[in-house]
Structures are given as structure tokens and as C-alpha cells.
N, C-alpha and C. Protein backbone atom coordinates (compact mmCIF):
# COMPACT_ATOMS: atom_id res chain seq x y z
N MET A 1 16.08 -32.47 27.32
CA MET A 1 16.42 -31.68 26.16
C MET A 1 16.64 -30.21 26.54
N ILE A 2 15.77 -29.70 27.39
CA ILE A 2 15.90 -28.31 27.82
C ILE A 2 17.19 -28.13 28.62
N VAL A 3 17.53 -29.12 29.45
CA VAL A 3 18.75 -29.03 30.24
C VAL A 3 19.98 -29.01 29.33
N LYS A 4 19.97 -29.85 28.28
CA LYS A 4 21.08 -29.86 27.33
C LYS A 4 21.20 -28.51 26.62
N PHE A 5 20.07 -27.95 26.24
CA PHE A 5 20.08 -26.64 25.59
C PHE A 5 20.64 -25.57 26.52
N LEU A 6 20.21 -25.58 27.78
CA LEU A 6 20.70 -24.58 28.73
C LEU A 6 22.19 -24.74 28.99
N ARG A 7 22.68 -25.99 29.03
CA ARG A 7 24.12 -26.21 29.19
C ARG A 7 24.89 -25.67 27.99
N TRP A 8 24.37 -25.96 26.78
CA TRP A 8 25.01 -25.46 25.57
C TRP A 8 25.01 -23.94 25.56
N TRP A 9 23.88 -23.35 25.93
CA TRP A 9 23.76 -21.89 25.95
C TRP A 9 24.73 -21.29 26.96
N GLY A 10 24.94 -21.95 28.09
CA GLY A 10 25.85 -21.45 29.12
C GLY A 10 27.31 -21.50 28.73
N THR A 11 27.67 -22.40 27.80
CA THR A 11 29.07 -22.51 27.40
C THR A 11 29.44 -21.53 26.29
N GLY A 12 28.47 -20.88 25.70
CA GLY A 12 28.74 -19.99 24.58
C GLY A 12 29.21 -18.61 25.02
N SER A 13 29.81 -17.91 24.08
CA SER A 13 30.24 -16.54 24.36
C SER A 13 29.05 -15.60 24.19
N PRO A 14 29.07 -14.45 24.84
CA PRO A 14 27.97 -13.49 24.68
C PRO A 14 27.76 -13.06 23.23
N LEU A 15 28.84 -12.98 22.46
CA LEU A 15 28.73 -12.59 21.06
C LEU A 15 27.89 -13.60 20.28
N TRP A 16 28.16 -14.87 20.48
CA TRP A 16 27.43 -15.89 19.74
C TRP A 16 26.01 -16.07 20.26
N ARG A 17 25.79 -15.76 21.54
CA ARG A 17 24.41 -15.76 22.05
C ARG A 17 23.60 -14.67 21.36
N ARG A 18 24.23 -13.50 21.16
CA ARG A 18 23.53 -12.42 20.45
C ARG A 18 23.24 -12.81 19.01
N LEU A 19 24.17 -13.53 18.38
CA LEU A 19 23.93 -13.99 17.01
C LEU A 19 22.71 -14.90 16.95
N VAL A 20 22.64 -15.85 17.86
CA VAL A 20 21.50 -16.79 17.87
C VAL A 20 20.21 -16.04 18.15
N ALA A 21 20.21 -15.14 19.12
CA ALA A 21 19.00 -14.39 19.46
C ALA A 21 18.54 -13.52 18.29
N ALA A 22 19.48 -12.86 17.61
CA ALA A 22 19.11 -12.01 16.47
C ALA A 22 18.56 -12.84 15.32
N ALA A 23 19.15 -14.00 15.07
CA ALA A 23 18.66 -14.86 13.98
C ALA A 23 17.26 -15.38 14.27
N VAL A 24 17.02 -15.82 15.50
CA VAL A 24 15.70 -16.34 15.87
C VAL A 24 14.65 -15.22 15.82
N LEU A 25 14.99 -14.05 16.36
CA LEU A 25 14.05 -12.92 16.34
C LEU A 25 13.75 -12.49 14.91
N GLY A 26 14.77 -12.40 14.08
CA GLY A 26 14.57 -12.00 12.68
C GLY A 26 13.72 -12.98 11.91
N ALA A 27 14.00 -14.27 12.08
CA ALA A 27 13.21 -15.30 11.38
C ALA A 27 11.77 -15.31 11.86
N ALA A 28 11.56 -15.19 13.17
CA ALA A 28 10.20 -15.19 13.71
C ALA A 28 9.42 -13.97 13.23
N ALA A 29 10.05 -12.80 13.22
CA ALA A 29 9.37 -11.59 12.75
C ALA A 29 9.06 -11.67 11.26
N PHE A 30 9.99 -12.24 10.49
CA PHE A 30 9.75 -12.39 9.05
C PHE A 30 8.56 -13.31 8.78
N VAL A 31 8.53 -14.45 9.45
CA VAL A 31 7.43 -15.40 9.26
C VAL A 31 6.12 -14.78 9.74
N ALA A 32 6.13 -14.10 10.88
CA ALA A 32 4.91 -13.47 11.38
C ALA A 32 4.42 -12.39 10.42
N GLY A 33 5.34 -11.63 9.84
CA GLY A 33 4.95 -10.61 8.86
C GLY A 33 4.33 -11.22 7.62
N GLN A 34 4.90 -12.34 7.15
CA GLN A 34 4.35 -13.01 5.98
C GLN A 34 2.96 -13.56 6.27
N VAL A 35 2.79 -14.18 7.43
CA VAL A 35 1.48 -14.72 7.80
C VAL A 35 0.47 -13.59 7.93
N SER A 36 0.87 -12.48 8.53
CA SER A 36 -0.02 -11.33 8.67
C SER A 36 -0.44 -10.78 7.31
N ALA A 37 0.50 -10.72 6.38
CA ALA A 37 0.18 -10.21 5.03
C ALA A 37 -0.76 -11.17 4.31
N LEU A 38 -0.50 -12.46 4.41
CA LEU A 38 -1.35 -13.44 3.73
C LEU A 38 -2.75 -13.49 4.34
N ALA A 39 -2.85 -13.25 5.64
CA ALA A 39 -4.15 -13.29 6.31
C ALA A 39 -4.91 -11.97 6.16
N GLY A 40 -4.31 -10.99 5.48
CA GLY A 40 -4.99 -9.72 5.28
C GLY A 40 -4.96 -8.84 6.51
N GLY A 41 -3.90 -8.93 7.28
CA GLY A 41 -3.77 -8.15 8.50
C GLY A 41 -3.51 -6.68 8.22
N SER A 42 -3.40 -5.94 9.28
CA SER A 42 -3.15 -4.50 9.19
C SER A 42 -1.82 -4.22 8.50
N PRO A 43 -1.79 -3.27 7.57
CA PRO A 43 -0.51 -2.92 6.93
C PRO A 43 0.53 -2.41 7.92
N VAL A 44 0.08 -1.73 8.96
CA VAL A 44 1.02 -1.24 9.98
C VAL A 44 1.70 -2.42 10.67
N LEU A 45 0.93 -3.45 11.01
CA LEU A 45 1.49 -4.64 11.65
C LEU A 45 2.44 -5.36 10.70
N THR A 46 2.04 -5.51 9.46
CA THR A 46 2.88 -6.21 8.47
C THR A 46 4.20 -5.50 8.27
N PHE A 47 4.15 -4.18 8.05
CA PHE A 47 5.39 -3.44 7.83
C PHE A 47 6.21 -3.30 9.11
N GLY A 48 5.54 -3.26 10.25
CA GLY A 48 6.26 -3.22 11.52
C GLY A 48 7.05 -4.49 11.75
N LEU A 49 6.44 -5.64 11.46
CA LEU A 49 7.14 -6.92 11.61
C LEU A 49 8.26 -7.05 10.58
N ALA A 50 8.01 -6.56 9.37
CA ALA A 50 9.07 -6.59 8.35
C ALA A 50 10.24 -5.70 8.77
N GLY A 51 9.93 -4.55 9.35
CA GLY A 51 10.99 -3.67 9.85
C GLY A 51 11.77 -4.29 10.99
N LEU A 52 11.06 -4.98 11.90
CA LEU A 52 11.73 -5.66 13.00
C LEU A 52 12.65 -6.76 12.47
N ALA A 53 12.19 -7.50 11.48
CA ALA A 53 13.03 -8.54 10.87
C ALA A 53 14.26 -7.92 10.22
N ALA A 54 14.08 -6.79 9.55
CA ALA A 54 15.22 -6.14 8.90
C ALA A 54 16.24 -5.65 9.93
N VAL A 55 15.77 -5.06 11.01
CA VAL A 55 16.68 -4.58 12.05
C VAL A 55 17.42 -5.76 12.69
N ALA A 56 16.71 -6.86 12.94
CA ALA A 56 17.35 -8.04 13.53
C ALA A 56 18.41 -8.61 12.59
N MET A 57 18.14 -8.64 11.29
CA MET A 57 19.12 -9.17 10.35
C MET A 57 20.32 -8.23 10.19
N ILE A 58 20.09 -6.91 10.27
CA ILE A 58 21.21 -5.96 10.24
C ILE A 58 22.08 -6.16 11.48
N PHE A 59 21.45 -6.32 12.64
CA PHE A 59 22.20 -6.58 13.87
C PHE A 59 22.97 -7.89 13.76
N PHE A 60 22.34 -8.91 13.17
CA PHE A 60 23.00 -10.21 12.97
C PHE A 60 24.25 -10.04 12.10
N GLY A 61 24.11 -9.31 11.00
CA GLY A 61 25.25 -9.10 10.11
C GLY A 61 26.36 -8.32 10.77
N PHE A 62 26.00 -7.28 11.53
CA PHE A 62 27.00 -6.48 12.24
C PHE A 62 27.72 -7.33 13.28
N THR A 63 26.98 -8.14 14.01
CA THR A 63 27.58 -9.00 15.03
C THR A 63 28.48 -10.05 14.40
N LEU A 64 28.07 -10.59 13.26
CA LEU A 64 28.91 -11.57 12.57
C LEU A 64 30.19 -10.92 12.06
N MET A 65 30.09 -9.69 11.57
CA MET A 65 31.31 -8.98 11.13
C MET A 65 32.24 -8.72 12.32
N MET A 66 31.67 -8.41 13.48
CA MET A 66 32.50 -8.21 14.67
C MET A 66 33.23 -9.50 15.03
N ALA A 67 32.53 -10.62 14.93
CA ALA A 67 33.15 -11.91 15.26
C ALA A 67 34.28 -12.21 14.29
N ARG A 68 34.06 -11.96 13.02
CA ARG A 68 35.10 -12.24 12.02
C ARG A 68 36.28 -11.29 12.19
N ALA A 69 36.03 -10.05 12.59
CA ALA A 69 37.12 -9.10 12.82
C ALA A 69 37.98 -9.53 14.00
N ARG A 70 37.38 -10.23 14.95
CA ARG A 70 38.14 -10.73 16.10
C ARG A 70 38.84 -12.05 15.78
N GLY A 71 38.69 -12.54 14.56
CA GLY A 71 39.37 -13.77 14.17
C GLY A 71 38.55 -15.02 14.37
N GLU A 72 37.27 -14.88 14.70
CA GLU A 72 36.42 -16.05 14.87
C GLU A 72 35.75 -16.36 13.54
N HIS A 73 35.81 -17.60 13.13
CA HIS A 73 35.17 -18.01 11.89
C HIS A 73 33.76 -18.51 12.21
N ALA A 74 32.89 -18.47 11.23
CA ALA A 74 31.49 -18.79 11.46
C ALA A 74 31.30 -20.20 11.99
N TYR A 75 32.12 -21.14 11.52
CA TYR A 75 31.90 -22.53 11.93
C TYR A 75 32.87 -23.01 12.99
N SER A 76 33.88 -22.22 13.34
CA SER A 76 34.78 -22.60 14.42
C SER A 76 35.18 -21.37 15.22
N PRO A 77 34.27 -20.86 16.04
CA PRO A 77 34.58 -19.66 16.81
C PRO A 77 35.72 -19.91 17.79
N GLY A 78 36.46 -18.86 18.09
CA GLY A 78 37.62 -18.98 18.96
C GLY A 78 37.30 -19.50 20.34
N TRP A 79 36.17 -19.04 20.93
CA TRP A 79 35.84 -19.51 22.27
C TRP A 79 35.58 -21.00 22.27
N TYR A 80 35.01 -21.55 21.20
CA TYR A 80 34.72 -22.99 21.16
C TYR A 80 36.01 -23.79 21.02
N ARG A 81 36.95 -23.28 20.21
CA ARG A 81 38.24 -23.96 20.08
C ARG A 81 38.96 -23.98 21.42
N ARG A 82 38.96 -22.85 22.15
CA ARG A 82 39.60 -22.81 23.46
C ARG A 82 38.91 -23.76 24.43
N PHE A 83 37.58 -23.82 24.38
CA PHE A 83 36.82 -24.73 25.24
C PHE A 83 37.20 -26.18 24.94
N GLN A 84 37.29 -26.53 23.67
CA GLN A 84 37.68 -27.90 23.30
C GLN A 84 39.10 -28.21 23.74
N GLU A 85 40.01 -27.26 23.62
CA GLU A 85 41.39 -27.48 24.07
C GLU A 85 41.44 -27.71 25.57
N GLN A 86 40.64 -26.96 26.34
CA GLN A 86 40.61 -27.15 27.78
C GLN A 86 40.06 -28.52 28.14
N VAL A 87 39.03 -28.95 27.44
CA VAL A 87 38.43 -30.26 27.71
C VAL A 87 39.43 -31.36 27.41
N HIS A 88 40.10 -31.28 26.28
CA HIS A 88 41.04 -32.33 25.90
C HIS A 88 42.30 -32.32 26.76
N SER A 89 42.72 -31.15 27.23
CA SER A 89 43.92 -31.11 28.07
C SER A 89 43.65 -31.61 29.49
N SER A 90 42.39 -31.56 29.94
CA SER A 90 42.07 -32.04 31.29
C SER A 90 41.91 -33.55 31.35
N ARG A 91 41.87 -34.22 30.22
CA ARG A 91 41.71 -35.69 30.21
C ARG A 91 42.97 -36.39 30.53
């Protein structure tokens, strides 16, 4: 499973790798902030994690806008279409 993930990660464009990394970081920071708040953790930690989640989501949105400006759609990015065309043409 890890090998399949690493192969998938290697075929992606740097832009989409940044999208995935920003989404995972934002979601993890959001969940950690919520758990910290529910557990009665330090307000500095809670707001710090919430701020990190907000920055990650802003970066995610900016990166997604960059992808769309380059003509890549969210569900069919240009690099993946070119990759599929290369695979099908080599058969």
C-alpha cells in the first residue's frame, strides 16, 4: 500500500502535491485544535492550531486558484490528462 501511494505521489505535479499537503495539514491542525479545546488545553495552543489550520486552508485556496488559472480543473488536472494520453499512446 505504501509503495502504491509513493508511486501515485511521484506521478503528480508539484502543484497538486502542495494541494494535498495543505489539505492534510489544515485538517490535522483543525482536529487537533478542536481536541485541545474540548480537553481544556491552553488557549495559546488552541488558537495557534486554529491559526495554523486557517493559514493552511488559505494556502490551499490560493493554490487551487492558481491551478484553475492555468486551466486545470479540480477533478481532471492537465498533468493527469497528459499522463493518461501518454499511457494510452504507448500501448
